[in-house]
N, C-alpha and C. Protein backbone atom coordinates (compact mmCIF):
# COMPACT_ATOMS: atom_id res chain seq x y z
N MET A 1 27.35 3.76 14.07
CA MET A 1 26.38 4.79 14.14
C MET A 1 25.95 5.26 12.92
N TYR A 2 24.50 5.51 12.90
CA TYR A 2 23.90 5.96 11.72
C TYR A 2 24.35 7.52 11.29
N ARG A 3 24.79 7.56 10.16
CA ARG A 3 24.88 8.75 9.41
C ARG A 3 24.13 9.52 8.59
N PHE A 4 23.36 10.65 9.33
CA PHE A 4 22.32 11.39 8.76
C PHE A 4 22.68 11.89 7.23
N ASN A 5 21.86 11.86 6.26
CA ASN A 5 22.19 12.42 5.25
C ASN A 5 21.01 13.01 4.36
N PHE A 6 20.74 14.29 4.51
CA PHE A 6 19.68 15.05 4.12
C PHE A 6 19.89 15.57 2.75
N GLN A 7 20.90 15.15 2.09
CA GLN A 7 21.32 15.79 0.78
C GLN A 7 20.31 15.50 -0.31
N PRO A 8 19.91 14.11 -0.36
CA PRO A 8 18.90 13.64 -1.18
C PRO A 8 17.54 14.38 -1.14
N VAL A 9 17.36 14.81 0.17
CA VAL A 9 15.84 15.44 0.30
C VAL A 9 16.18 16.99 -0.22
N PHE A 10 17.40 17.61 -0.06
CA PHE A 10 17.23 18.79 -0.44
C PHE A 10 17.49 18.87 -1.88
N ASP A 11 18.28 17.92 -2.60
CA ASP A 11 18.35 17.96 -3.86
C ASP A 11 16.91 17.62 -4.60
N ASN A 12 15.81 17.17 -3.82
CA ASN A 12 14.63 16.66 -4.60
C ASN A 12 13.66 17.69 -3.73
N LEU A 13 13.69 18.92 -3.50
CA LEU A 13 12.73 19.70 -2.70
C LEU A 13 11.57 20.11 -3.55
N ASP A 14 12.32 20.44 -4.68
CA ASP A 14 10.97 20.69 -5.70
C ASP A 14 9.98 19.43 -6.12
N MET A 15 10.49 18.18 -5.91
CA MET A 15 9.47 17.10 -6.16
C MET A 15 8.59 16.86 -4.91
N LEU A 16 9.08 17.27 -3.64
CA LEU A 16 8.26 17.21 -2.56
C LEU A 16 7.34 18.31 -2.67
N ALA A 17 7.72 19.37 -2.95
CA ALA A 17 6.96 20.58 -2.87
C ALA A 17 5.75 20.42 -3.90
N HIS A 18 6.02 19.81 -4.99
CA HIS A 18 4.81 19.55 -6.02
C HIS A 18 3.97 18.61 -5.31
N GLY A 19 4.49 17.42 -4.77
CA GLY A 19 3.75 16.51 -4.10
C GLY A 19 2.80 17.21 -3.12
N ALA A 20 3.18 18.30 -2.29
CA ALA A 20 2.61 18.65 -1.33
C ALA A 20 1.36 19.58 -1.68
N TRP A 21 1.95 20.25 -3.09
CA TRP A 21 0.67 21.30 -3.54
C TRP A 21 -0.40 20.27 -4.18
N LEU A 22 -0.02 19.32 -4.70
CA LEU A 22 -1.20 18.33 -5.22
C LEU A 22 -1.92 17.72 -4.08
N THR A 23 -1.42 17.27 -3.02
CA THR A 23 -2.40 17.02 -1.88
C THR A 23 -2.92 18.17 -1.19
N VAL A 24 -2.43 19.22 -1.26
CA VAL A 24 -3.49 20.49 -1.04
C VAL A 24 -4.71 20.67 -1.88
N GLN A 25 -4.25 20.56 -3.39
CA GLN A 25 -5.31 20.65 -4.20
C GLN A 25 -6.56 19.63 -4.25
N LEU A 26 -5.82 18.29 -3.90
CA LEU A 26 -6.79 17.05 -3.63
C LEU A 26 -7.79 17.16 -2.48
N SER A 27 -6.90 17.81 -1.41
CA SER A 27 -7.77 17.97 -0.18
C SER A 27 -8.67 19.06 -0.27
N PHE A 28 -8.36 20.02 -0.77
CA PHE A 28 -9.45 21.17 -0.97
C PHE A 28 -10.70 20.92 -1.87
N SER A 29 -10.34 20.20 -2.96
CA SER A 29 -11.42 19.87 -3.74
C SER A 29 -12.31 18.81 -3.25
N ALA A 30 -11.69 17.91 -2.43
CA ALA A 30 -12.70 16.72 -1.95
C ALA A 30 -13.24 17.29 -0.56
N MET A 31 -12.72 18.46 0.03
CA MET A 31 -13.62 19.07 1.18
C MET A 31 -14.60 19.92 0.52
N ALA A 32 -14.34 20.52 -0.69
CA ALA A 32 -15.59 21.30 -1.09
C ALA A 32 -16.64 20.53 -1.71
N ILE A 33 -16.15 19.48 -2.47
CA ILE A 33 -17.41 18.69 -3.16
C ILE A 33 -17.91 17.73 -1.92
N GLY A 34 -17.24 17.29 -1.03
CA GLY A 34 -17.59 16.37 0.18
C GLY A 34 -18.65 17.08 0.87
N LEU A 35 -18.38 18.40 1.14
CA LEU A 35 -19.46 19.28 1.92
C LEU A 35 -20.67 19.38 1.30
N VAL A 36 -20.85 19.67 -0.06
CA VAL A 36 -22.00 19.51 -0.85
C VAL A 36 -22.76 18.20 -0.70
N VAL A 37 -21.99 17.21 -0.81
CA VAL A 37 -22.63 15.67 -0.73
C VAL A 37 -23.13 15.61 0.59
N SER A 38 -22.27 16.25 1.63
CA SER A 38 -22.66 15.99 3.14
C SER A 38 -24.12 16.65 3.35
N VAL A 39 -24.26 17.83 2.97
CA VAL A 39 -25.42 18.66 3.02
C VAL A 39 -26.51 17.83 2.41
N LEU A 40 -26.38 17.62 1.22
CA LEU A 40 -27.35 16.90 0.57
C LEU A 40 -27.82 15.60 1.08
N GLY A 41 -26.89 15.00 1.53
CA GLY A 41 -26.97 13.78 2.47
C GLY A 41 -27.75 13.81 3.70
N ALA A 42 -27.50 14.86 4.49
CA ALA A 42 -27.92 15.19 5.58
C ALA A 42 -29.39 15.73 5.39
N VAL A 43 -29.61 16.39 4.45
CA VAL A 43 -31.21 16.70 4.14
C VAL A 43 -31.99 15.61 3.72
N ALA A 44 -31.53 14.84 3.07
CA ALA A 44 -32.16 13.40 2.64
C ALA A 44 -32.37 12.69 3.80
N LYS A 45 -31.63 12.40 4.85
CA LYS A 45 -31.73 11.79 6.03
C LYS A 45 -32.82 12.48 6.96
N THR A 46 -33.07 13.49 6.90
CA THR A 46 -33.89 14.28 7.79
C THR A 46 -35.23 14.56 6.96
N SER A 47 -35.11 14.22 5.80
CA SER A 47 -36.67 14.49 5.08
C SER A 47 -37.53 13.34 5.41
N GLY A 48 -38.76 13.42 5.08
CA GLY A 48 -39.73 12.44 5.24
C GLY A 48 -39.87 11.20 4.32
N ILE A 49 -39.05 11.34 3.17
CA ILE A 49 -39.14 10.47 2.15
C ILE A 49 -38.25 9.29 2.59
N LYS A 50 -38.87 8.08 2.81
CA LYS A 50 -38.32 6.94 3.40
C LYS A 50 -37.45 6.34 2.31
N PRO A 51 -37.76 6.14 1.02
CA PRO A 51 -36.88 5.48 0.13
C PRO A 51 -35.55 6.10 0.04
N LEU A 52 -35.61 7.51 0.04
CA LEU A 52 -34.39 8.40 -0.10
C LEU A 52 -33.33 8.26 1.09
N ARG A 53 -34.09 8.17 2.40
CA ARG A 53 -33.43 7.90 3.62
C ARG A 53 -32.74 6.61 3.62
N TRP A 54 -33.61 5.58 3.21
CA TRP A 54 -32.83 4.33 3.07
C TRP A 54 -31.89 4.33 2.36
N ILE A 55 -31.62 4.90 0.91
CA ILE A 55 -30.61 4.97 0.06
C ILE A 55 -29.35 5.60 0.87
N VAL A 56 -29.71 6.77 1.56
CA VAL A 56 -28.54 7.31 2.18
C VAL A 56 -28.02 6.76 3.58
N ASP A 57 -28.96 6.19 3.94
CA ASP A 57 -28.35 5.22 5.15
C ASP A 57 -27.59 4.01 4.76
N ALA A 58 -27.81 3.46 3.58
CA ALA A 58 -27.16 2.28 3.15
C ALA A 58 -25.65 2.85 2.73
N TYR A 59 -25.76 3.90 1.93
CA TYR A 59 -24.37 4.67 1.72
C TYR A 59 -23.59 4.84 2.69
N VAL A 60 -24.08 5.44 3.86
CA VAL A 60 -23.44 5.95 5.06
C VAL A 60 -22.72 4.71 5.75
N GLU A 61 -23.85 3.54 5.94
CA GLU A 61 -23.25 2.63 6.85
C GLU A 61 -22.30 1.73 5.78
N VAL A 62 -22.35 1.60 4.49
CA VAL A 62 -21.36 0.95 3.88
C VAL A 62 -20.04 1.64 3.85
N ILE A 63 -19.91 2.83 3.85
CA ILE A 63 -18.64 3.62 3.59
C ILE A 63 -18.05 3.69 5.09
N ARG A 64 -18.94 3.70 6.12
CA ARG A 64 -18.46 3.94 7.37
C ARG A 64 -17.76 2.60 7.97
N ASN A 65 -18.14 1.62 7.46
CA ASN A 65 -17.87 0.27 7.93
C ASN A 65 -17.12 -0.63 6.99
N THR A 66 -16.45 0.04 6.24
CA THR A 66 -15.41 -0.58 5.21
C THR A 66 -14.22 0.27 5.15
N PRO A 67 -12.94 -0.48 4.94
CA PRO A 67 -11.69 0.38 5.22
C PRO A 67 -11.65 1.22 3.60
N PHE A 68 -10.89 2.60 4.14
CA PHE A 68 -10.76 3.58 2.89
C PHE A 68 -9.86 2.77 1.84
N LEU A 69 -8.95 2.03 2.17
CA LEU A 69 -8.01 1.39 1.08
C LEU A 69 -8.89 0.56 0.37
N ILE A 70 -9.96 -0.16 0.74
CA ILE A 70 -10.56 -1.17 0.06
C ILE A 70 -11.59 -0.18 -1.08
N GLN A 71 -12.00 0.72 -0.39
CA GLN A 71 -12.82 1.72 -1.27
C GLN A 71 -12.05 2.24 -2.53
N ILE A 72 -10.84 2.53 -2.13
CA ILE A 72 -10.11 3.19 -3.30
C ILE A 72 -9.67 2.16 -4.22
N PHE A 73 -9.41 0.93 -3.90
CA PHE A 73 -9.20 -0.04 -4.82
C PHE A 73 -10.46 -0.63 -5.49
N PHE A 74 -11.53 -0.22 -5.17
CA PHE A 74 -12.91 -0.62 -5.74
C PHE A 74 -12.83 0.38 -6.73
N ILE A 75 -12.84 1.54 -6.58
CA ILE A 75 -13.03 2.76 -7.47
C ILE A 75 -12.13 2.70 -8.47
N PHE A 76 -10.88 2.21 -8.28
CA PHE A 76 -9.74 2.42 -9.24
C PHE A 76 -9.74 1.13 -10.08
N PHE A 77 -9.67 -0.10 -9.24
CA PHE A 77 -9.39 -1.41 -9.94
C PHE A 77 -10.91 -2.20 -10.52
N GLY A 78 -11.89 -1.78 -9.70
CA GLY A 78 -13.26 -2.70 -9.75
C GLY A 78 -14.04 -1.94 -10.60
N LEU A 79 -14.17 -0.78 -10.76
CA LEU A 79 -15.20 0.05 -11.39
C LEU A 79 -14.84 -0.11 -13.08
N PRO A 80 -13.40 -0.29 -13.49
CA PRO A 80 -13.13 -0.52 -14.90
C PRO A 80 -14.11 -1.64 -15.45
N ALA A 81 -14.15 -2.69 -14.64
CA ALA A 81 -14.68 -3.87 -15.07
C ALA A 81 -16.35 -3.41 -15.50
N LEU A 82 -16.71 -2.37 -14.98
CA LEU A 82 -18.00 -1.86 -15.53
C LEU A 82 -18.05 -0.77 -16.44
N GLY A 83 -16.76 -0.73 -17.08
CA GLY A 83 -16.66 0.24 -18.25
C GLY A 83 -16.20 1.57 -17.77
N ILE A 84 -16.21 1.72 -16.28
CA ILE A 84 -15.81 3.13 -15.69
C ILE A 84 -14.34 3.26 -15.15
N SER A 85 -13.58 3.82 -16.20
CA SER A 85 -12.10 3.88 -15.72
C SER A 85 -11.80 5.34 -15.62
N MET A 86 -11.06 5.51 -14.65
CA MET A 86 -10.40 7.04 -14.20
C MET A 86 -8.77 7.13 -13.91
N SER A 87 -8.29 8.02 -14.01
CA SER A 87 -6.96 8.17 -13.69
C SER A 87 -6.61 8.07 -12.29
N PRO A 88 -5.53 7.99 -12.01
CA PRO A 88 -5.33 7.83 -10.59
C PRO A 88 -5.79 9.04 -9.92
N ASN A 89 -5.46 10.09 -10.20
CA ASN A 89 -5.74 11.39 -9.36
C ASN A 89 -7.38 11.46 -9.40
N THR A 90 -8.05 11.37 -10.37
CA THR A 90 -9.37 11.42 -10.44
C THR A 90 -10.02 10.38 -9.53
N ALA A 91 -9.70 9.00 -9.46
CA ALA A 91 -10.14 7.99 -8.64
C ALA A 91 -9.72 8.47 -7.28
N ALA A 92 -8.63 8.89 -6.85
CA ALA A 92 -8.20 9.25 -5.54
C ALA A 92 -9.19 10.38 -4.98
N LEU A 93 -9.61 11.51 -6.15
CA LEU A 93 -10.48 12.41 -5.65
C LEU A 93 -11.83 11.80 -5.32
N VAL A 94 -12.44 11.03 -6.08
CA VAL A 94 -13.81 10.32 -6.04
C VAL A 94 -13.82 9.49 -4.68
N ALA A 95 -12.71 8.91 -4.55
CA ALA A 95 -12.82 8.07 -3.05
C ALA A 95 -12.71 8.84 -2.04
N LEU A 96 -12.06 9.96 -2.01
CA LEU A 96 -12.14 11.00 -1.00
C LEU A 96 -13.45 11.65 -0.82
N VAL A 97 -13.91 11.93 -1.63
CA VAL A 97 -15.19 12.82 -1.75
C VAL A 97 -16.35 11.74 -1.19
N VAL A 98 -16.30 10.49 -1.63
CA VAL A 98 -17.31 9.42 -1.31
C VAL A 98 -17.07 9.09 0.26
N ASN A 99 -15.99 9.06 0.62
CA ASN A 99 -15.56 8.90 1.98
C ASN A 99 -15.89 9.86 3.02
N VAL A 100 -15.47 11.08 2.66
CA VAL A 100 -15.83 12.21 3.54
C VAL A 100 -17.29 12.73 3.62
N GLY A 101 -18.03 12.23 2.29
CA GLY A 101 -19.35 12.60 2.15
C GLY A 101 -20.08 12.00 3.48
N ALA A 102 -19.78 10.48 3.38
CA ALA A 102 -20.48 9.51 4.32
C ALA A 102 -20.45 10.24 5.81
N TYR A 103 -19.19 10.53 6.22
CA TYR A 103 -18.87 10.96 7.60
C TYR A 103 -19.45 12.45 7.62
N GLY A 104 -19.30 13.15 6.83
CA GLY A 104 -20.07 14.54 6.85
C GLY A 104 -21.32 14.61 7.00
N THR A 105 -22.21 13.56 6.22
CA THR A 105 -23.68 13.54 6.18
C THR A 105 -24.25 13.29 7.63
N GLU A 106 -23.45 12.38 8.54
CA GLU A 106 -23.89 12.24 9.99
C GLU A 106 -23.50 13.45 10.66
N ILE A 107 -22.44 14.12 10.58
CA ILE A 107 -22.18 15.14 11.27
C ILE A 107 -23.14 16.46 11.01
N ILE A 108 -23.26 16.42 9.80
CA ILE A 108 -24.37 17.75 9.60
C ILE A 108 -25.69 17.07 9.95
N ARG A 109 -26.09 15.92 9.77
CA ARG A 109 -27.55 15.45 10.33
C ARG A 109 -27.62 15.66 11.69
N ALA A 110 -26.35 15.30 12.49
CA ALA A 110 -26.80 15.53 13.85
C ALA A 110 -26.89 17.02 14.42
N GLY A 111 -26.11 18.08 13.43
CA GLY A 111 -26.17 19.50 13.58
C GLY A 111 -27.75 19.79 13.28
N ILE A 112 -28.19 19.54 12.15
CA ILE A 112 -29.55 19.86 11.87
C ILE A 112 -30.78 19.42 12.98
N GLU A 113 -30.65 18.29 13.58
CA GLU A 113 -31.46 17.70 14.33
C GLU A 113 -31.28 18.39 15.69
N SER A 114 -30.10 19.25 16.00
CA SER A 114 -29.80 19.77 17.13
C SER A 114 -30.65 21.15 17.15
N ILE A 115 -31.26 21.55 16.14
CA ILE A 115 -31.89 22.92 16.00
C ILE A 115 -33.29 22.93 16.69
N PRO A 116 -33.83 23.55 17.69
CA PRO A 116 -34.95 23.27 18.32
C PRO A 116 -36.03 23.71 17.36
N GLN A 117 -37.07 22.82 17.55
CA GLN A 117 -38.36 22.98 16.53
C GLN A 117 -39.02 24.29 16.80
N GLY A 118 -38.75 24.99 17.94
CA GLY A 118 -39.08 26.28 18.36
C GLY A 118 -38.91 27.50 17.32
N GLN A 119 -37.39 27.20 17.03
CA GLN A 119 -36.96 28.12 15.92
C GLN A 119 -37.56 28.04 14.58
N ILE A 120 -37.80 26.79 14.14
CA ILE A 120 -38.51 26.50 12.74
C ILE A 120 -39.81 27.06 12.69
N GLU A 121 -40.51 26.75 13.95
CA GLU A 121 -42.08 27.30 13.87
C GLU A 121 -41.95 28.95 13.85
N ALA A 122 -40.94 29.53 14.73
CA ALA A 122 -40.76 30.89 14.53
C ALA A 122 -40.55 31.46 13.17
N GLY A 123 -39.79 30.53 12.36
CA GLY A 123 -39.35 31.05 11.04
C GLY A 123 -40.81 30.94 10.15
N ARG A 124 -41.49 30.03 10.36
CA ARG A 124 -42.85 29.85 9.74
C ARG A 124 -43.82 30.89 10.00
N ALA A 125 -43.66 31.40 11.32
CA ALA A 125 -44.45 32.44 11.90
C ALA A 125 -44.04 33.64 10.94
N LEU A 126 -43.02 34.02 10.76
CA LEU A 126 -42.35 35.18 10.04
C LEU A 126 -42.74 34.97 8.45
N ALA A 127 -43.44 34.07 8.13
CA ALA A 127 -43.44 33.77 6.77
C ALA A 127 -42.49 33.59 5.77
N LEU A 128 -41.55 33.06 6.56
CA LEU A 128 -40.32 32.65 5.55
C LEU A 128 -40.51 31.57 4.71
N SER A 129 -40.06 31.43 3.51
CA SER A 129 -40.32 30.16 2.74
C SER A 129 -39.36 29.12 3.19
N PRO A 130 -39.72 27.83 2.95
CA PRO A 130 -39.01 26.59 3.28
C PRO A 130 -37.42 26.67 2.95
N VAL A 131 -37.00 27.23 1.96
CA VAL A 131 -35.79 27.44 1.63
C VAL A 131 -35.07 28.60 2.52
N GLN A 132 -35.65 29.59 2.91
CA GLN A 132 -35.23 30.34 3.69
C GLN A 132 -34.98 29.94 5.20
N ILE A 133 -36.11 29.17 5.78
CA ILE A 133 -35.98 28.49 6.76
C ILE A 133 -34.94 27.64 6.84
N PHE A 134 -34.69 26.75 5.89
CA PHE A 134 -33.52 25.79 6.08
C PHE A 134 -32.03 26.55 6.00
N ARG A 135 -32.11 27.61 5.05
CA ARG A 135 -30.70 28.34 4.98
C ARG A 135 -30.50 28.95 6.32
N HIS A 136 -31.47 29.75 6.69
CA HIS A 136 -31.20 30.91 7.89
C HIS A 136 -31.29 30.17 9.30
N VAL A 137 -32.32 29.49 9.31
CA VAL A 137 -32.73 29.05 10.71
C VAL A 137 -32.22 27.66 10.96
N VAL A 138 -31.95 26.89 9.94
CA VAL A 138 -31.67 25.35 10.35
C VAL A 138 -29.99 25.20 9.85
N LEU A 139 -29.63 25.42 8.75
CA LEU A 139 -28.33 25.36 8.24
C LEU A 139 -27.33 26.15 8.94
N LYS A 140 -27.49 27.32 8.91
CA LYS A 140 -26.34 28.31 9.51
C LYS A 140 -25.96 27.87 10.80
N PRO A 141 -27.25 27.81 11.54
CA PRO A 141 -26.70 27.34 13.01
C PRO A 141 -26.27 26.13 13.31
N ALA A 142 -26.90 25.39 12.52
CA ALA A 142 -26.24 23.80 12.49
C ALA A 142 -24.88 23.78 12.08
N LEU A 143 -24.27 24.34 11.12
CA LEU A 143 -23.05 24.65 10.90
C LEU A 143 -22.12 25.22 11.65
N ARG A 144 -22.55 25.93 12.40
CA ARG A 144 -21.90 26.76 13.64
C ARG A 144 -21.65 25.84 14.59
N ASN A 145 -22.64 24.85 14.83
CA ASN A 145 -22.53 23.96 16.15
C ASN A 145 -21.49 23.05 15.77
N ILE A 146 -21.57 22.54 14.63
CA ILE A 146 -20.89 21.19 14.29
C ILE A 146 -19.41 21.60 13.51
N TYR A 147 -19.18 22.78 13.31
CA TYR A 147 -18.03 23.36 12.56
C TYR A 147 -16.74 22.71 13.19
N PRO A 148 -16.50 22.57 14.61
CA PRO A 148 -15.25 21.94 15.04
C PRO A 148 -15.02 20.38 14.49
N SER A 149 -16.44 19.85 14.63
CA SER A 149 -16.18 18.20 14.33
C SER A 149 -16.05 18.29 12.78
N LEU A 150 -16.76 19.05 11.88
CA LEU A 150 -16.57 18.97 10.49
C LEU A 150 -15.17 19.22 9.98
N THR A 151 -14.63 20.27 10.74
CA THR A 151 -13.29 20.83 10.09
C THR A 151 -12.12 19.82 10.75
N SER A 152 -12.54 19.16 11.82
CA SER A 152 -11.52 18.09 12.37
C SER A 152 -11.65 16.85 11.24
N GLN A 153 -13.10 16.61 10.70
CA GLN A 153 -13.19 15.33 9.76
C GLN A 153 -12.20 15.82 8.41
N PHE A 154 -12.23 17.25 8.07
CA PHE A 154 -11.52 17.53 6.93
C PHE A 154 -10.02 17.44 7.17
N ILE A 155 -9.52 17.75 8.18
CA ILE A 155 -8.01 17.58 8.37
C ILE A 155 -7.69 16.07 8.34
N TYR A 156 -8.64 15.22 9.09
CA TYR A 156 -8.15 13.77 8.90
C TYR A 156 -8.41 13.36 7.49
N LEU A 157 -9.22 13.98 6.53
CA LEU A 157 -9.28 13.73 5.08
C LEU A 157 -7.98 13.78 4.48
N MET A 158 -7.28 15.11 4.82
CA MET A 158 -6.27 15.44 4.34
C MET A 158 -5.10 14.59 4.56
N LEU A 159 -4.93 14.14 5.82
CA LEU A 159 -3.93 13.19 6.34
C LEU A 159 -4.38 11.98 5.75
N THR A 160 -5.64 11.56 5.47
CA THR A 160 -6.06 10.11 4.83
C THR A 160 -5.50 10.00 3.33
N SER A 161 -5.46 11.28 2.72
CA SER A 161 -5.21 11.44 1.30
C SER A 161 -3.80 10.62 1.09
N SER A 162 -3.03 10.41 2.07
CA SER A 162 -1.61 9.78 1.83
C SER A 162 -1.86 8.43 1.32
N VAL A 163 -2.97 7.87 1.50
CA VAL A 163 -3.20 6.46 1.28
C VAL A 163 -3.38 6.50 -0.33
N VAL A 164 -3.94 7.57 -1.06
CA VAL A 164 -4.03 7.53 -2.49
C VAL A 164 -2.86 7.03 -3.07
N SER A 165 -1.54 7.22 -2.47
CA SER A 165 -0.40 6.96 -3.26
C SER A 165 -0.44 5.46 -3.95
N VAL A 166 -1.09 4.61 -3.22
CA VAL A 166 -1.20 3.07 -3.59
C VAL A 166 -1.72 2.98 -4.98
N ILE A 167 -2.46 3.88 -5.60
CA ILE A 167 -2.80 3.92 -6.70
C ILE A 167 -1.96 4.66 -7.74
N SER A 168 -0.99 5.27 -7.29
CA SER A 168 0.00 5.89 -7.92
C SER A 168 -0.62 7.43 -8.26
N ALA A 169 -1.52 7.92 -7.41
CA ALA A 169 -1.73 9.20 -7.59
C ALA A 169 -0.58 9.97 -7.16
N THR A 170 -0.39 11.10 -7.63
CA THR A 170 0.86 11.88 -7.51
C THR A 170 0.76 12.93 -6.41
N ASP A 171 0.65 12.49 -5.07
CA ASP A 171 0.26 13.24 -4.12
C ASP A 171 1.79 13.36 -3.07
N LEU A 172 1.80 13.88 -2.07
CA LEU A 172 3.08 14.01 -1.25
C LEU A 172 3.60 12.74 -0.83
N ALA A 173 2.72 11.83 -0.28
CA ALA A 173 3.34 10.30 -0.11
C ALA A 173 3.85 9.82 -1.16
N ALA A 174 3.16 9.76 -2.44
CA ALA A 174 3.63 9.07 -3.57
C ALA A 174 5.24 9.92 -3.98
N ALA A 175 5.36 11.09 -3.67
CA ALA A 175 6.65 11.86 -4.04
C ALA A 175 7.60 11.37 -3.13
N GLY A 176 7.32 10.94 -1.83
CA GLY A 176 8.07 10.51 -0.89
C GLY A 176 8.64 9.16 -1.26
N ALA A 177 7.59 8.30 -1.43
CA ALA A 177 7.98 6.89 -1.95
C ALA A 177 8.84 6.66 -3.06
N ASP A 178 8.69 7.51 -4.10
CA ASP A 178 9.48 7.53 -5.36
C ASP A 178 10.97 7.93 -5.10
N LEU A 179 11.03 8.94 -4.26
CA LEU A 179 12.28 9.52 -3.76
C LEU A 179 12.80 8.54 -2.87
N ASN A 180 12.28 7.81 -1.98
CA ASN A 180 13.15 6.82 -1.17
C ASN A 180 13.50 5.63 -2.25
N ALA A 181 12.74 5.28 -3.27
CA ALA A 181 13.13 4.07 -4.03
C ALA A 181 14.36 4.35 -4.82
N ARG A 182 14.52 5.82 -5.05
CA ARG A 182 15.63 6.12 -5.78
C ARG A 182 16.93 6.53 -4.90
N THR A 183 16.74 6.91 -3.77
CA THR A 183 18.01 7.13 -2.95
C THR A 183 18.13 6.46 -1.68
N PHE A 184 16.88 5.67 -1.33
CA PHE A 184 17.00 4.72 -0.02
C PHE A 184 17.54 5.41 1.09
N ALA A 185 17.14 6.85 1.37
CA ALA A 185 17.24 7.64 2.32
C ALA A 185 16.09 7.81 3.20
N SER A 186 15.69 6.38 3.75
CA SER A 186 14.27 6.29 4.11
C SER A 186 14.02 7.21 5.38
N PHE A 187 15.03 7.23 6.25
CA PHE A 187 14.88 7.84 7.76
C PHE A 187 14.69 9.39 7.40
N GLU A 188 15.54 9.85 6.48
CA GLU A 188 15.47 11.20 6.26
C GLU A 188 14.18 11.77 5.64
N ILE A 189 13.82 10.92 4.47
CA ILE A 189 12.73 11.16 3.63
C ILE A 189 11.50 11.23 4.50
N TYR A 190 11.33 10.31 5.26
CA TYR A 190 9.97 9.94 5.93
C TYR A 190 10.07 11.01 7.20
N LEU A 191 11.09 11.19 7.55
CA LEU A 191 11.02 12.27 8.74
C LEU A 191 10.77 13.84 8.09
N VAL A 192 11.16 13.99 7.00
CA VAL A 192 10.73 15.31 6.28
C VAL A 192 9.19 15.05 5.94
N LEU A 193 8.83 14.04 5.36
CA LEU A 193 7.27 13.91 5.16
C LEU A 193 6.46 13.91 6.30
N THR A 194 6.97 13.44 7.41
CA THR A 194 6.23 13.87 8.71
C THR A 194 5.88 15.05 9.02
N ILE A 195 7.16 16.08 9.06
CA ILE A 195 7.26 17.40 9.30
C ILE A 195 6.21 17.99 8.29
N LEU A 196 6.29 17.74 7.12
CA LEU A 196 5.38 18.35 5.81
C LEU A 196 3.86 18.28 6.36
N TYR A 197 3.53 16.93 6.59
CA TYR A 197 2.09 16.67 6.87
C TYR A 197 1.61 17.39 8.27
N PHE A 198 2.62 17.46 9.12
CA PHE A 198 2.27 18.14 10.40
C PHE A 198 2.05 19.83 9.86
N LEU A 199 2.97 20.36 9.21
CA LEU A 199 2.62 21.83 8.88
C LEU A 199 1.44 21.84 7.98
N LEU A 200 1.21 20.99 7.06
CA LEU A 200 -0.17 20.94 6.28
C LEU A 200 -1.47 21.06 7.40
N ALA A 201 -1.44 20.10 8.15
CA ALA A 201 -2.34 19.96 9.18
C ALA A 201 -2.54 21.08 10.19
N LEU A 202 -1.35 21.71 10.39
CA LEU A 202 -1.37 23.16 11.25
C LEU A 202 -1.90 24.25 10.43
N GLY A 203 -1.57 24.15 8.87
CA GLY A 203 -2.06 25.23 8.06
C GLY A 203 -3.36 25.22 7.92
N PHE A 204 -4.03 23.97 7.78
CA PHE A 204 -5.48 23.75 7.70
C PHE A 204 -6.06 24.31 8.88
N SER A 205 -5.58 23.66 10.07
CA SER A 205 -6.20 24.15 11.33
C SER A 205 -6.51 25.81 11.37
N THR A 206 -5.20 26.53 11.19
CA THR A 206 -5.24 27.99 11.19
C THR A 206 -6.20 28.47 10.33
N LEU A 207 -6.38 27.89 8.92
CA LEU A 207 -7.19 28.48 8.12
C LEU A 207 -8.67 28.36 8.72
N PHE A 208 -8.97 27.06 9.18
CA PHE A 208 -10.44 26.94 9.66
C PHE A 208 -10.66 27.81 10.78
N ALA A 209 -9.72 27.87 11.62
CA ALA A 209 -10.11 28.81 12.73
C ALA A 209 -10.28 30.30 12.22
N THR A 210 -9.53 30.81 11.23
CA THR A 210 -10.01 32.01 10.64
C THR A 210 -11.24 31.96 9.99
N LEU A 211 -11.50 30.95 9.28
CA LEU A 211 -12.94 31.02 8.68
C LEU A 211 -14.10 31.08 9.72
N ARG A 212 -13.65 30.52 10.79
CA ARG A 212 -14.68 30.50 11.77
C ARG A 212 -15.00 31.91 12.39
N ARG A 213 -13.96 32.48 12.53
CA ARG A 213 -13.75 33.88 13.14
C ARG A 213 -14.65 34.85 12.17
N VAL A 214 -14.49 34.61 10.92
CA VAL A 214 -15.10 35.51 9.81
C VAL A 214 -16.56 35.22 9.62
N PHE A 215 -16.79 33.83 9.54
CA PHE A 215 -18.14 33.63 9.06
C PHE A 215 -19.10 33.14 10.34
N PHE A 216 -18.61 32.87 11.42
CA PHE A 216 -19.47 32.43 12.45
C PHE A 216 -19.30 33.44 13.74
N ASN A 217 -18.77 34.56 13.29
CA ASN A 217 -18.42 35.63 14.52
C ASN A 217 -19.95 36.35 14.83
N TYR A 218 -20.76 35.76 15.36
CA TYR A 218 -22.11 36.38 15.88
C TYR A 218 -22.55 35.68 16.99
N PRO A 219 -23.40 36.27 17.83
CA PRO A 219 -23.91 35.73 18.98
C PRO A 219 -24.90 34.48 18.74
N ALA A 220 -24.75 33.42 19.77
CA ALA A 220 -25.24 32.27 19.50
C ALA A 220 -26.71 32.33 19.35
N GLY A 221 -27.49 33.30 19.70
CA GLY A 221 -28.84 33.44 19.88
C GLY A 221 -29.31 34.17 18.53
N ARG A 222 -28.30 34.62 17.68
CA ARG A 222 -28.67 35.23 16.55
C ARG A 222 -29.36 34.29 15.41
């Protein structure tokens, strides 16, 4: 009979807590920067500038059709051949931003294209500037429409961040792997890691639900 021993976990809770905090920091940073990349990419894809659309299309297709593991290996191990070297945590952040930016671009692009043309024409009739039309008539309703899909992608990003441990980025998964190598309490450690990632995902879901009530609590026709 297997004898459970959670003592190594209890003795190293500070290490796991530090790894969880770095995972949260990495995820929030990637989400914030990735959202900016996604909006810019979506604007480029819906613009009439063909060369710009081709570049963004190529970026989206390459990222969406290659494994994230290969992408992070390319950034961390491949780019130094071109003289671009990064620390593990920086490479992890760049890889996450590049990845979520591609998926977010398509999500926001779909939201922008869901806005009826009549609303845009009404904005022009009210003498709104192109920036005002995009911000208030297009982007805000679009973000409301695609908010569930976008936040689901962000939560998936947080869970995907566990992969960055393969390049020694000091996240929660890396802390668990290091602790397992020292104590060999594999079942107990990875059970606790599973619970921690579940709690992180639950926390992100609660936060996003709260943000939705705060920022998108207005009638659909507004």
